[in-house]
């Protein structure tokens, strides 16, 4: 009875209450991740080595997202259900709370490496200095994460020990926000310098730039919000709640970027008709350069089944359209769908 009499004196509103709301929002974001994964597999059903690799990446990100949700739910279940009315249990650090930090750090590092690969891909034919700088910054943040996790498992065994690693939030999340801004700005710059003057291609590039800025800003703002809440409300779980949501946004933002072609790219017929600037109701005689009708139909089917191979369509298209917008379209396809 003594422990139950103390329950009204324990303020759970700004601690486990806030964390409970954060887990509900995290579950909603996990549902958004499921939708994004479904869209990716529906729009990338064709094979290929690159597509197979990124399908594996999407599956791994989905597994880590699901594992993270399971760990934080177990953490809350341990404190509020298993140890209901056990006040002393609230001062313990359950194993799932520590393990979810490992899952978050490793998954965020993987997402950042994939962003570096995107920057390297888009900078094809140009200087790789941006990709190298971002890659070095990502590796440095991984080193910080390893040190903090090692210190956490070594020193933190009770809730009171969390004060010992409060410095880690500033040391880690500060560089994380800088790396997010650096990655987004690098991709933005590379895409901005890829404009060609062709309306359809430039429109596609502009939409991709909007996606990149929005996703980069969301994760950066979450990192800054975690730092501010840790400094202002250190006795609550608001900072931990923001960190939980930040990881969900990392996974969602990257998969949304991979689905950018689905959201931003017009259909193939409209794109090609607009680039040729020829109305549909005007008679257009077909140019034939040593190709039979069967070969032409086979080439068109191949083009629609494998849109990334638009560079090798037919010679009549080469005669009508210059090479530059097709090359940039291929780069944009590699950015949005690997």
C-alpha atoms as a PDB file:
ATOM      1  CA  UNK A   1       0.000   0.000   0.000  1.00  0.00           C
ATOM      2  CA  UNK A   2       2.884   2.344   0.689  1.00  0.00           C
ATOM      3  CA  UNK A   3       4.072   2.312  -2.916  1.00  0.00           C
ATOM      4  CA  UNK A   4       0.520   2.829  -4.199  1.00  0.00           C
ATOM      5  CA  UNK A   5       0.090   5.834  -1.894  1.00  0.00           C
ATOM      6  CA  UNK A   6       3.136   7.406  -3.522  1.00  0.00           C
ATOM      7  CA  UNK A   7       1.725   7.106  -7.053  1.00  0.00           C
ATOM      8  CA  UNK A   8      -0.248  10.380  -6.937  1.00  0.00           C
ATOM      9  CA  UNK A   9       2.958  12.152  -5.879  1.00  0.00           C
ATOM     10  CA  UNK A  10       4.865  10.967  -8.950  1.00  0.00           C
ATOM     11  CA  UNK A  11       4.542  13.372 -11.879  1.00  0.00           C
ATOM     12  CA  UNK A  12       4.366  11.267 -15.047  1.00  0.00           C
ATOM     13  CA  UNK A  13       2.819  13.899 -17.305  1.00  0.00           C
ATOM     14  CA  UNK A  14       6.037  15.474 -18.567  1.00  0.00           C
ATOM     15  CA  UNK A  15       8.049  12.253 -18.427  1.00  0.00           C
ATOM     16  CA  UNK A  16       6.378   8.992 -19.409  1.00  0.00           C
ATOM     17  CA  UNK A  17       3.242  10.832 -20.521  1.00  0.00           C
ATOM     18  CA  UNK A  18       5.217  12.792 -23.100  1.00  0.00           C
ATOM     19  CA  UNK A  19       7.062   9.632 -24.133  1.00  0.00           C
ATOM     20  CA  UNK A  20       3.723   7.822 -24.550  1.00  0.00           C
ATOM     21  CA  UNK A  21       2.490  10.535 -26.950  1.00  0.00           C
ATOM     22  CA  UNK A  22       5.794  10.352 -28.814  1.00  0.00           C
ATOM     23  CA  UNK A  23       5.457   6.593 -29.274  1.00  0.00           C
ATOM     24  CA  UNK A  24       1.949   7.059 -30.693  1.00  0.00           C
ATOM     25  CA  UNK A  25       3.348   9.557 -33.215  1.00  0.00           C
ATOM     26  CA  UNK A  26       6.230   7.178 -33.943  1.00  0.00           C
ATOM     27  CA  UNK A  27       3.730   4.403 -34.698  1.00  0.00           C
ATOM     28  CA  UNK A  28       1.923   6.732 -37.116  1.00  0.00           C
ATOM     29  CA  UNK A  29       5.206   7.545 -38.858  1.00  0.00           C
ATOM     30  CA  UNK A  30       5.945   3.818 -39.058  1.00  0.00           C
ATOM     31  CA  UNK A  31       2.640   3.456 -40.901  1.00  0.00           C
ATOM     32  CA  UNK A  32       3.817   6.158 -43.324  1.00  0.00           C
ATOM     33  CA  UNK A  33       7.021   4.155 -43.794  1.00  0.00           C
ATOM     34  CA  UNK A  34       4.948   1.100 -44.718  1.00  0.00           C
ATOM     35  CA  UNK A  35       3.124   3.126 -47.366  1.00  0.00           C
ATOM     36  CA  UNK A  36       6.392   4.465 -48.791  1.00  0.00           C
ATOM     37  CA  UNK A  37       7.916   0.976 -48.905  1.00  0.00           C
ATOM     38  CA  UNK A  38       4.822  -0.345 -50.700  1.00  0.00           C
ATOM     39  CA  UNK A  39       5.014   2.463 -53.268  1.00  0.00           C
ATOM     40  CA  UNK A  40       8.709   1.801 -53.843  1.00  0.00           C
ATOM     41  CA  UNK A  41       8.226  -1.886 -54.553  1.00  0.00           C
ATOM     42  CA  UNK A  42       5.213  -1.197 -56.766  1.00  0.00           C
ATOM     43  CA  UNK A  43       7.085   1.377 -58.867  1.00  0.00           C
ATOM     44  CA  UNK A  44      10.389  -0.548 -59.011  1.00  0.00           C
ATOM     45  CA  UNK A  45       9.186  -4.001 -59.944  1.00  0.00           C
ATOM     46  CA  UNK A  46      11.722  -4.400 -62.758  1.00  0.00           C
ATOM     47  CA  UNK A  47      15.016  -6.090 -61.998  1.00  0.00           C
ATOM     48  CA  UNK A  48      18.626  -5.007 -62.309  1.00  0.00           C
ATOM     49  CA  UNK A  49      21.636  -5.032 -60.020  1.00  0.00           C
ATOM     50  CA  UNK A  50      21.144  -1.447 -58.843  1.00  0.00           C
ATOM     51  CA  UNK A  51      17.429  -1.904 -58.206  1.00  0.00           C
ATOM     52  CA  UNK A  52      18.021  -5.159 -56.318  1.00  0.00           C
ATOM     53  CA  UNK A  53      20.563  -3.418 -54.076  1.00  0.00           C
ATOM     54  CA  UNK A  54      18.207  -0.583 -53.206  1.00  0.00           C
ATOM     55  CA  UNK A  55      15.343  -2.997 -52.618  1.00  0.00           C
ATOM     56  CA  UNK A  56      17.563  -4.674 -50.048  1.00  0.00           C
ATOM     57  CA  UNK A  57      18.330  -1.249 -48.562  1.00  0.00           C
ATOM     58  CA  UNK A  58      14.620  -0.450 -48.271  1.00  0.00           C
ATOM     59  CA  UNK A  59      13.941  -3.802 -46.597  1.00  0.00           C
ATOM     60  CA  UNK A  60      16.774  -3.243 -44.093  1.00  0.00           C
ATOM     61  CA  UNK A  61      15.512   0.257 -43.283  1.00  0.00           C
ATOM     62  CA  UNK A  62      11.997  -1.087 -42.777  1.00  0.00           C
ATOM     63  CA  UNK A  63      13.298  -3.821 -40.448  1.00  0.00           C
ATOM     64  CA  UNK A  64      15.310  -1.313 -38.401  1.00  0.00           C
ATOM     65  CA  UNK A  65      12.282   0.995 -38.218  1.00  0.00           C
ATOM     66  CA  UNK A  66      10.060  -1.858 -37.021  1.00  0.00           C
ATOM     67  CA  UNK A  67      12.704  -3.012 -34.519  1.00  0.00           C
ATOM     68  CA  UNK A  68      13.051   0.513 -33.167  1.00  0.00           C
ATOM     69  CA  UNK A  69       9.287   0.786 -32.671  1.00  0.00           C
ATOM     70  CA  UNK A  70       9.195  -2.587 -30.895  1.00  0.00           C
ATOM     71  CA  UNK A  71      12.020  -1.548 -28.550  1.00  0.00           C
ATOM     72  CA  UNK A  72      10.483   1.760 -27.512  1.00  0.00           C
ATOM     73  CA  UNK A  73       7.082   0.095 -27.008  1.00  0.00           C
ATOM     74  CA  UNK A  74       8.748  -2.545 -24.807  1.00  0.00           C
ATOM     75  CA  UNK A  75      10.477   0.224 -22.859  1.00  0.00           C
ATOM     76  CA  UNK A  76       7.207   1.967 -22.092  1.00  0.00           C
ATOM     77  CA  UNK A  77       5.437  -1.348 -21.382  1.00  0.00           C
ATOM     78  CA  UNK A  78       8.167  -2.278 -18.906  1.00  0.00           C
ATOM     79  CA  UNK A  79       7.743   0.900 -16.871  1.00  0.00           C
ATOM     80  CA  UNK A  80       3.979   1.444 -17.030  1.00  0.00           C
ATOM     81  CA  UNK A  81       2.561  -2.098 -17.186  1.00  0.00           C
ATOM     82  CA  UNK A  82       5.024  -4.696 -15.928  1.00  0.00           C
ATOM     83  CA  UNK A  83       6.195  -2.454 -13.085  1.00  0.00           C
ATOM     84  CA  UNK A  84       2.911  -0.727 -12.404  1.00  0.00           C
ATOM     85  CA  UNK A  85       2.939   0.853  -8.920  1.00  0.00           C
ATOM     86  CA  UNK A  86       6.609  -0.073  -8.568  1.00  0.00           C
ATOM     87  CA  UNK A  87       8.178   3.335  -8.027  1.00  0.00           C
ATOM     88  CA  UNK A  88      11.698   1.969  -7.680  1.00  0.00           C
ATOM     89  CA  UNK A  89      11.510   0.511 -11.210  1.00  0.00           C
ATOM     90  CA  UNK A  90      11.154   4.011 -12.662  1.00  0.00           C
ATOM     91  CA  UNK A  91      14.731   4.731 -11.680  1.00  0.00           C
ATOM     92  CA  UNK A  92      16.108   1.747 -13.643  1.00  0.00           C
ATOM     93  CA  UNK A  93      17.312   1.775 -17.261  1.00  0.00           C
ATOM     94  CA  UNK A  94      15.739  -1.150 -19.096  1.00  0.00           C
ATOM     95  CA  UNK A  95      17.825  -2.998 -21.711  1.00  0.00           C
ATOM     96  CA  UNK A  96      15.527  -2.004 -24.584  1.00  0.00           C
ATOM     97  CA  UNK A  97      16.161   1.686 -23.891  1.00  0.00           C
ATOM     98  CA  UNK A  98      19.887   1.178 -24.445  1.00  0.00           C
ATOM     99  CA  UNK A  99      19.509  -1.132 -27.430  1.00  0.00           C
ATOM    100  CA  UNK A 100      17.276   1.307 -29.298  1.00  0.00           C
ATOM    101  CA  UNK A 101      20.100   3.858 -29.136  1.00  0.00           C
ATOM    102  CA  UNK A 102      22.358   1.362 -30.950  1.00  0.00           C
ATOM    103  CA  UNK A 103      19.676   0.724 -33.588  1.00  0.00           C
ATOM    104  CA  UNK A 104      19.144   4.445 -34.130  1.00  0.00           C
ATOM    105  CA  UNK A 105      22.850   5.299 -34.408  1.00  0.00           C
ATOM    106  CA  UNK A 106      23.648   2.467 -36.830  1.00  0.00           C
ATOM    107  CA  UNK A 107      20.588   3.097 -39.007  1.00  0.00           C
ATOM    108  CA  UNK A 108      21.182   6.855 -39.220  1.00  0.00           C
ATOM    109  CA  UNK A 109      24.784   6.195 -40.212  1.00  0.00           C
ATOM    110  CA  UNK A 110      23.569   3.854 -42.978  1.00  0.00           C
ATOM    111  CA  UNK A 111      21.107   6.484 -44.237  1.00  0.00           C
ATOM    112  CA  UNK A 112      23.848   9.116 -44.318  1.00  0.00           C
ATOM    113  CA  UNK A 113      26.119   6.780 -46.285  1.00  0.00           C
ATOM    114  CA  UNK A 114      23.332   6.331 -48.811  1.00  0.00           C
ATOM    115  CA  UNK A 115      23.044  10.113 -49.103  1.00  0.00           C
ATOM    116  CA  UNK A 116      26.789  10.259 -49.760  1.00  0.00           C
ATOM    117  CA  UNK A 117      26.315   7.665 -52.504  1.00  0.00           C
ATOM    118  CA  UNK A 118      23.565   9.826 -53.998  1.00  0.00           C
ATOM    119  CA  UNK A 119      25.853  12.852 -54.000  1.00  0.00           C
ATOM    120  CA  UNK A 120      28.601  10.783 -55.637  1.00  0.00           C
ATOM    121  CA  UNK A 121      26.146   9.570 -58.301  1.00  0.00           C
ATOM    122  CA  UNK A 122      24.748  13.007 -59.138  1.00  0.00           C
ATOM    123  CA  UNK A 123      28.246  14.519 -59.338  1.00  0.00           C
ATOM    124  CA  UNK A 124      29.167  12.084 -62.131  1.00  0.00           C
ATOM    125  CA  UNK A 125      31.435  13.832 -64.588  1.00  0.00           C
ATOM    126  CA  UNK A 126      32.131  16.641 -62.122  1.00  0.00           C
ATOM    127  CA  UNK A 127      34.310  17.202 -59.081  1.00  0.00           C
ATOM    128  CA  UNK A 128      33.811  14.678 -56.254  1.00  0.00           C
ATOM    129  CA  UNK A 129      34.962  17.095 -53.561  1.00  0.00           C
ATOM    130  CA  UNK A 130      31.450  17.547 -52.118  1.00  0.00           C
ATOM    131  CA  UNK A 131      30.908  13.802 -51.802  1.00  0.00           C
ATOM    132  CA  UNK A 132      34.300  13.394 -50.127  1.00  0.00           C
ATOM    133  CA  UNK A 133      33.656  16.209 -47.630  1.00  0.00           C
ATOM    134  CA  UNK A 134      30.225  14.870 -46.700  1.00  0.00           C
ATOM    135  CA  UNK A 135      31.614  11.327 -46.438  1.00  0.00           C
ATOM    136  CA  UNK A 136      34.352  12.424 -44.015  1.00  0.00           C
ATOM    137  CA  UNK A 137      31.779  14.294 -41.887  1.00  0.00           C
ATOM    138  CA  UNK A 138      29.545  11.193 -41.775  1.00  0.00           C
ATOM    139  CA  UNK A 139      32.426   8.983 -40.629  1.00  0.00           C
ATOM    140  CA  UNK A 140      33.302  11.486 -37.886  1.00  0.00           C
ATOM    141  CA  UNK A 141      29.731  11.438 -36.562  1.00  0.00           C
ATOM    142  CA  UNK A 142      29.914   7.634 -36.480  1.00  0.00           C
ATOM    143  CA  UNK A 143      33.013   7.885 -34.304  1.00  0.00           C
ATOM    144  CA  UNK A 144      31.154  10.168 -31.903  1.00  0.00           C
ATOM    145  CA  UNK A 145      28.216   7.752 -31.788  1.00  0.00           C
ATOM    146  CA  UNK A 146      30.480   4.786 -30.951  1.00  0.00           C
ATOM    147  CA  UNK A 147      32.150   6.679 -28.101  1.00  0.00           C
ATOM    148  CA  UNK A 148      28.808   7.798 -26.652  1.00  0.00           C
ATOM    149  CA  UNK A 149      27.271   4.306 -26.851  1.00  0.00           C
ATOM    150  CA  UNK A 150      30.332   2.772 -25.202  1.00  0.00           C
ATOM    151  CA  UNK A 151      30.181   5.362 -22.402  1.00  0.00           C
ATOM    152  CA  UNK A 152      26.432   4.783 -21.978  1.00  0.00           C
ATOM    153  CA  UNK A 153      26.793   1.015 -21.490  1.00  0.00           C
ATOM    154  CA  UNK A 154      29.735   1.589 -19.153  1.00  0.00           C
ATOM    155  CA  UNK A 155      28.401   4.360 -16.919  1.00  0.00           C
ATOM    156  CA  UNK A 156      24.605   4.575 -17.202  1.00  0.00           C
ATOM    157  CA  UNK A 157      22.734   2.029 -15.062  1.00  0.00           C
ATOM    158  CA  UNK A 158      20.009   4.152 -13.469  1.00  0.00           C
ATOM    159  CA  UNK A 159      17.918   7.170 -14.395  1.00  0.00           C
ATOM    160  CA  UNK A 160      20.075   9.386 -12.205  1.00  0.00           C
ATOM    161  CA  UNK A 161      23.094   8.459 -14.320  1.00  0.00           C
ATOM    162  CA  UNK A 162      21.563  10.116 -17.382  1.00  0.00           C
ATOM    163  CA  UNK A 163      22.981  13.389 -16.132  1.00  0.00           C
ATOM    164  CA  UNK A 164      26.446  11.972 -16.820  1.00  0.00           C
ATOM    165  CA  UNK A 165      25.775  11.734 -20.569  1.00  0.00           C
ATOM    166  CA  UNK A 166      23.857  14.962 -20.987  1.00  0.00           C
ATOM    167  CA  UNK A 167      26.936  16.392 -22.674  1.00  0.00           C
ATOM    168  CA  UNK A 168      26.662  13.660 -25.313  1.00  0.00           C
ATOM    169  CA  UNK A 169      23.443  15.122 -26.652  1.00  0.00           C
ATOM    170  CA  UNK A 170      25.155  18.402 -27.488  1.00  0.00           C
ATOM    171  CA  UNK A 171      28.333  16.740 -28.770  1.00  0.00           C
ATOM    172  CA  UNK A 172      26.465  14.356 -31.059  1.00  0.00           C
ATOM    173  CA  UNK A 173      23.312  16.157 -32.195  1.00  0.00           C
ATOM    174  CA  UNK A 174      25.154  19.375 -33.046  1.00  0.00           C
ATOM    175  CA  UNK A 175      27.382  17.753 -35.694  1.00  0.00           C
ATOM    176  CA  UNK A 176      24.408  15.655 -36.826  1.00  0.00           C
ATOM    177  CA  UNK A 177      22.451  18.799 -37.689  1.00  0.00           C
ATOM    178  CA  UNK A 178      25.481  20.217 -39.535  1.00  0.00           C
ATOM    179  CA  UNK A 179      25.910  16.989 -41.545  1.00  0.00           C
ATOM    180  CA  UNK A 180      22.217  16.978 -42.501  1.00  0.00           C
ATOM    181  CA  UNK A 181      22.416  20.557 -43.724  1.00  0.00           C
ATOM    182  CA  UNK A 182      25.665  19.818 -45.578  1.00  0.00           C
ATOM    183  CA  UNK A 183      24.182  16.761 -47.309  1.00  0.00           C
ATOM    184  CA  UNK A 184      20.993  18.557 -48.346  1.00  0.00           C
ATOM    185  CA  UNK A 185      22.836  21.657 -49.565  1.00  0.00           C
ATOM    186  CA  UNK A 186      25.325  19.556 -51.559  1.00  0.00           C
ATOM    187  CA  UNK A 187      22.545  17.684 -53.365  1.00  0.00           C
ATOM    188  CA  UNK A 188      20.692  20.969 -53.881  1.00  0.00           C
ATOM    189  CA  UNK A 189      23.759  22.602 -55.445  1.00  0.00           C
ATOM    190  CA  UNK A 190      24.475  19.657 -57.749  1.00  0.00           C
ATOM    191  CA  UNK A 191      20.884  19.559 -58.962  1.00  0.00           C
ATOM    192  CA  UNK A 192      20.700  23.347 -59.373  1.00  0.00           C
ATOM    193  CA  UNK A 193      23.772  23.300 -61.618  1.00  0.00           C
ATOM    194  CA  UNK A 194      22.209  20.534 -63.735  1.00  0.00           C
ATOM    195  CA  UNK A 195      19.504  22.747 -65.224  1.00  0.00           C
ATOM    196  CA  UNK A 196      19.298  22.561 -69.005  1.00  0.00           C
ATOM    197  CA  UNK A 197      16.668  25.094 -70.075  1.00  0.00           C
ATOM    198  CA  UNK A 198      14.214  22.383 -71.115  1.00  0.00           C
ATOM    199  CA  UNK A 199      10.927  22.914 -69.222  1.00  0.00           C
ATOM    200  CA  UNK A 200      10.146  19.279 -68.380  1.00  0.00           C
ATOM    201  CA  UNK A 201      13.657  18.414 -67.245  1.00  0.00           C
ATOM    202  CA  UNK A 202      14.033  21.614 -65.222  1.00  0.00           C
ATOM    203  CA  UNK A 203      10.612  21.061 -63.630  1.00  0.00           C
ATOM    204  CA  UNK A 204      11.641  17.569 -62.560  1.00  0.00           C
ATOM    205  CA  UNK A 205      14.906  18.902 -61.130  1.00  0.00           C
ATOM    206  CA  UNK A 206      13.053  21.652 -59.241  1.00  0.00           C
ATOM    207  CA  UNK A 207      10.699  19.126 -57.650  1.00  0.00           C
ATOM    208  CA  UNK A 208      13.619  16.972 -56.557  1.00  0.00           C
ATOM    209  CA  UNK A 209      15.297  20.042 -55.058  1.00  0.00           C
ATOM    210  CA  UNK A 210      12.138  20.770 -53.052  1.00  0.00           C
ATOM    211  CA  UNK A 211      12.070  17.192 -51.732  1.00  0.00           C
ATOM    212  CA  UNK A 212      15.732  17.378 -50.727  1.00  0.00           C
ATOM    213  CA  UNK A 213      15.398  20.716 -48.945  1.00  0.00           C
ATOM    214  CA  UNK A 214      12.249  19.627 -47.094  1.00  0.00           C
ATOM    215  CA  UNK A 215      13.719  16.329 -45.891  1.00  0.00           C
ATOM    216  CA  UNK A 216      17.044  17.906 -44.932  1.00  0.00           C
ATOM    217  CA  UNK A 217      15.332  20.697 -43.020  1.00  0.00           C
ATOM    218  CA  UNK A 218      13.054  18.301 -41.119  1.00  0.00           C
ATOM    219  CA  UNK A 219      15.878  16.175 -39.735  1.00  0.00           C
ATOM    220  CA  UNK A 220      18.038  19.230 -38.987  1.00  0.00           C
ATOM    221  CA  UNK A 221      15.209  20.962 -37.143  1.00  0.00           C
ATOM    222  CA  UNK A 222      14.582  17.800 -35.102  1.00  0.00           C
ATOM    223  CA  UNK A 223      18.248  17.720 -34.080  1.00  0.00           C
ATOM    224  CA  UNK A 224      18.153  21.371 -33.047  1.00  0.00           C
ATOM    225  CA  UNK A 225      14.848  20.831 -31.210  1.00  0.00           C
ATOM    226  CA  UNK A 226      16.399  17.940 -29.259  1.00  0.00           C
ATOM    227  CA  UNK A 227      19.333  20.143 -28.236  1.00  0.00           C
ATOM    228  CA  UNK A 228      17.044  23.007 -27.149  1.00  0.00           C
ATOM    229  CA  UNK A 229      14.654  20.788 -25.184  1.00  0.00           C
ATOM    230  CA  UNK A 230      17.566  19.054 -23.480  1.00  0.00           C
ATOM    231  CA  UNK A 231      18.920  22.416 -22.344  1.00  0.00           C
ATOM    232  CA  UNK A 232      15.579  23.961 -21.331  1.00  0.00           C
ATOM    233  CA  UNK A 233      13.622  20.893 -20.108  1.00  0.00           C
ATOM    234  CA  UNK A 234      16.326  18.546 -18.917  1.00  0.00           C
ATOM    235  CA  UNK A 235      14.119  17.032 -16.189  1.00  0.00           C
ATOM    236  CA  UNK A 236      11.512  15.815 -18.671  1.00  0.00           C
ATOM    237  CA  UNK A 237      11.439  13.246 -21.469  1.00  0.00           C
ATOM    238  CA  UNK A 238      10.688  15.791 -24.187  1.00  0.00           C
ATOM    239  CA  UNK A 239      14.212  15.513 -25.578  1.00  0.00           C
ATOM    240  CA  UNK A 240      13.977  11.705 -25.722  1.00  0.00           C
ATOM    241  CA  UNK A 241      10.616  11.988 -27.484  1.00  0.00           C
ATOM    242  CA  UNK A 242      12.053  14.292 -30.135  1.00  0.00           C
ATOM    243  CA  UNK A 243      14.931  11.860 -30.686  1.00  0.00           C
ATOM    244  CA  UNK A 244      12.465   9.007 -31.188  1.00  0.00           C
ATOM    245  CA  UNK A 245      10.596  10.994 -33.836  1.00  0.00           C
ATOM    246  CA  UNK A 246      13.842  12.137 -35.450  1.00  0.00           C
ATOM    247  CA  UNK A 247      14.813   8.576 -36.340  1.00  0.00           C
ATOM    248  CA  UNK A 248      11.414   7.942 -37.930  1.00  0.00           C
ATOM    249  CA  UNK A 249      11.837  11.080 -40.013  1.00  0.00           C
ATOM    250  CA  UNK A 250      15.286   9.910 -41.164  1.00  0.00           C
ATOM    251  CA  UNK A 251      13.896   6.657 -42.529  1.00  0.00           C
ATOM    252  CA  UNK A 252      10.831   8.294 -44.057  1.00  0.00           C
ATOM    253  CA  UNK A 253      12.768  11.128 -45.678  1.00  0.00           C
ATOM    254  CA  UNK A 254      15.191   8.799 -47.435  1.00  0.00           C
ATOM    255  CA  UNK A 255      12.494   6.461 -48.771  1.00  0.00           C
ATOM    256  CA  UNK A 256      10.461   9.478 -49.911  1.00  0.00           C
ATOM    257  CA  UNK A 257      13.531  10.690 -51.812  1.00  0.00           C
ATOM    258  CA  UNK A 258      13.795   7.266 -53.462  1.00  0.00           C
ATOM    259  CA  UNK A 259      10.125   7.605 -54.443  1.00  0.00           C
ATOM    260  CA  UNK A 260      10.640  11.139 -55.758  1.00  0.00           C
ATOM    261  CA  UNK A 261      10.446   9.867 -59.321  1.00  0.00           C
ATOM    262  CA  UNK A 262       6.966   8.504 -58.596  1.00  0.00           C
ATOM    263  CA  UNK A 263       5.753  11.820 -57.166  1.00  0.00           C
ATOM    264  CA  UNK A 264       7.567  14.260 -59.439  1.00  0.00           C
ATOM    265  CA  UNK A 265       8.294  12.663 -62.800  1.00  0.00           C
ATOM    266  CA  UNK A 266       5.597  12.951 -65.455  1.00  0.00           C
ATOM    267  CA  UNK A 267       4.565   9.911 -67.453  1.00  0.00           C
ATOM    268  CA  UNK A 268       6.801   8.902 -70.332  1.00  0.00           C
ATOM    269  CA  UNK A 269       4.351   9.787 -73.104  1.00  0.00           C
ATOM    270  CA  UNK A 270       3.695  13.296 -71.794  1.00  0.00           C
ATOM    271  CA  UNK A 271       7.371  13.925 -71.140  1.00  0.00           C
ATOM    272  CA  UNK A 272       8.524  12.953 -74.603  1.00  0.00           C
ATOM    273  CA  UNK A 273       5.677  14.740 -76.386  1.00  0.00           C
ATOM    274  CA  UNK A 274       6.396  17.938 -74.419  1.00  0.00           C
ATOM    275  CA  UNK A 275      10.130  17.759 -75.043  1.00  0.00           C
ATOM    276  CA  UNK A 276       9.544  17.360 -78.786  1.00  0.00           C
ATOM    277  CA  UNK A 277       7.088  20.340 -78.654  1.00  0.00           C
ATOM    278  CA  UNK A 278       4.806  18.758 -81.273  1.00  0.00           C
ATOM    279  CA  UNK A 279       1.010  18.794 -80.694  1.00  0.00           C
ATOM    280  CA  UNK A 280      -0.728  15.434 -80.728  1.00  0.00           C
ATOM    281  CA  UNK A 281      -3.318  16.408 -83.358  1.00  0.00           C
ATOM    282  CA  UNK A 282      -0.727  17.303 -86.047  1.00  0.00           C
ATOM    283  CA  UNK A 283       0.357  14.673 -88.545  1.00  0.00           C
ATOM    284  CA  UNK A 284       3.926  13.527 -87.878  1.00  0.00           C
ATOM    285  CA  UNK A 285       5.555  11.231 -90.396  1.00  0.00           C
ATOM    286  CA  UNK A 286       7.790   8.656 -88.723  1.00  0.00           C
ATOM    287  CA  UNK A 287      11.454   8.739 -89.502  1.00  0.00           C
ATOM    288  CA  UNK A 288      12.929   5.307 -90.237  1.00  0.00           C
ATOM    289  CA  UNK A 289      16.666   4.895 -90.274  1.00  0.00           C
ATOM    290  CA  UNK A 290      17.290   1.331 -91.324  1.00  0.00           C
ATOM    291  CA  UNK A 291      14.930  -0.239 -88.790  1.00  0.00           C
ATOM    292  CA  UNK A 292      12.044  -2.573 -89.391  1.00  0.00           C
ATOM    293  CA  UNK A 293       8.605  -2.181 -87.803  1.00  0.00           C
ATOM    294  CA  UNK A 294       9.163  -5.134 -85.489  1.00  0.00           C
ATOM    295  CA  UNK A 295      12.465  -3.712 -84.247  1.00  0.00           C
ATOM    296  CA  UNK A 296      10.850  -0.333 -83.626  1.00  0.00           C
ATOM    297  CA  UNK A 297       8.023  -1.889 -81.582  1.00  0.00           C
ATOM    298  CA  UNK A 298      10.538  -3.954 -79.607  1.00  0.00           C
ATOM    299  CA  UNK A 299      12.567  -0.824 -78.875  1.00  0.00           C
ATOM    300  CA  UNK A 300       9.503   1.063 -77.665  1.00  0.00           C
ATOM    301  CA  UNK A 301       8.493  -1.787 -75.353  1.00  0.00           C
ATOM    302  CA  UNK A 302      11.996  -1.906 -73.958  1.00  0.00           C
ATOM    303  CA  UNK A 303      11.898   1.821 -73.364  1.00  0.00           C
ATOM    304  CA  UNK A 304       8.709   1.657 -71.321  1.00  0.00           C
ATOM    305  CA  UNK A 305       9.780  -1.425 -69.386  1.00  0.00           C
ATOM    306  CA  UNK A 306      13.206   0.036 -68.586  1.00  0.00           C
ATOM    307  CA  UNK A 307      12.918   3.820 -68.435  1.00  0.00           C
ATOM    308  CA  UNK A 308      16.509   4.172 -67.224  1.00  0.00           C
ATOM    309  CA  UNK A 309      17.666   3.051 -70.678  1.00  0.00           C
ATOM    310  CA  UNK A 310      16.124   6.090 -72.381  1.00  0.00           C
ATOM    311  CA  UNK A 311      19.564   7.009 -73.739  1.00  0.00           C
ATOM    312  CA  UNK A 312      19.496   4.077 -76.168  1.00  0.00           C
ATOM    313  CA  UNK A 313      16.087   4.489 -77.769  1.00  0.00           C
ATOM    314  CA  UNK A 314      16.367   5.029 -81.533  1.00  0.00           C
ATOM    315  CA  UNK A 315      18.219   7.287 -83.901  1.00  0.00           C
ATOM    316  CA  UNK A 316      15.125   9.396 -84.850  1.00  0.00           C
ATOM    317  CA  UNK A 317      14.927  10.583 -81.241  1.00  0.00           C
ATOM    318  CA  UNK A 318      18.608  11.477 -81.391  1.00  0.00           C
ATOM    319  CA  UNK A 319      17.886  13.612 -84.414  1.00  0.00           C
ATOM    320  CA  UNK A 320      15.050  15.472 -82.700  1.00  0.00           C
ATOM    321  CA  UNK A 321      16.342  15.835 -79.120  1.00  0.00           C
ATOM    322  CA  UNK A 322      19.781  16.964 -77.958  1.00  0.00           C
ATOM    323  CA  UNK A 323      21.843  14.757 -75.669  1.00  0.00           C
ATOM    324  CA  UNK A 324      22.057  17.010 -72.618  1.00  0.00           C
ATOM    325  CA  UNK A 325      18.469  16.746 -71.251  1.00  0.00           C
ATOM    326  CA  UNK A 326      18.493  12.959 -71.736  1.00  0.00           C
ATOM    327  CA  UNK A 327      21.737  12.718 -69.790  1.00  0.00           C
ATOM    328  CA  UNK A 328      20.349  14.816 -66.956  1.00  0.00           C
ATOM    329  CA  UNK A 329      17.139  12.747 -66.971  1.00  0.00           C
ATOM    330  CA  UNK A 330      19.257   9.640 -66.502  1.00  0.00           C
ATOM    331  CA  UNK A 331      21.033  11.308 -63.550  1.00  0.00           C
ATOM    332  CA  UNK A 332      17.687  12.231 -62.008  1.00  0.00           C
ATOM    333  CA  UNK A 333      16.441   8.648 -62.445  1.00  0.00           C
ATOM    334  CA  UNK A 334      19.547   7.384 -60.689  1.00  0.00           C
ATOM    335  CA  UNK A 335      18.939   9.890 -57.875  1.00  0.00           C
ATOM    336  CA  UNK A 336      15.310   8.984 -57.299  1.00  0.00           C
ATOM    337  CA  UNK A 337      15.275   5.269 -58.063  1.00  0.00           C
ATOM    338  CA  UNK A 338      18.927   4.116 -58.022  1.00  0.00           C
END
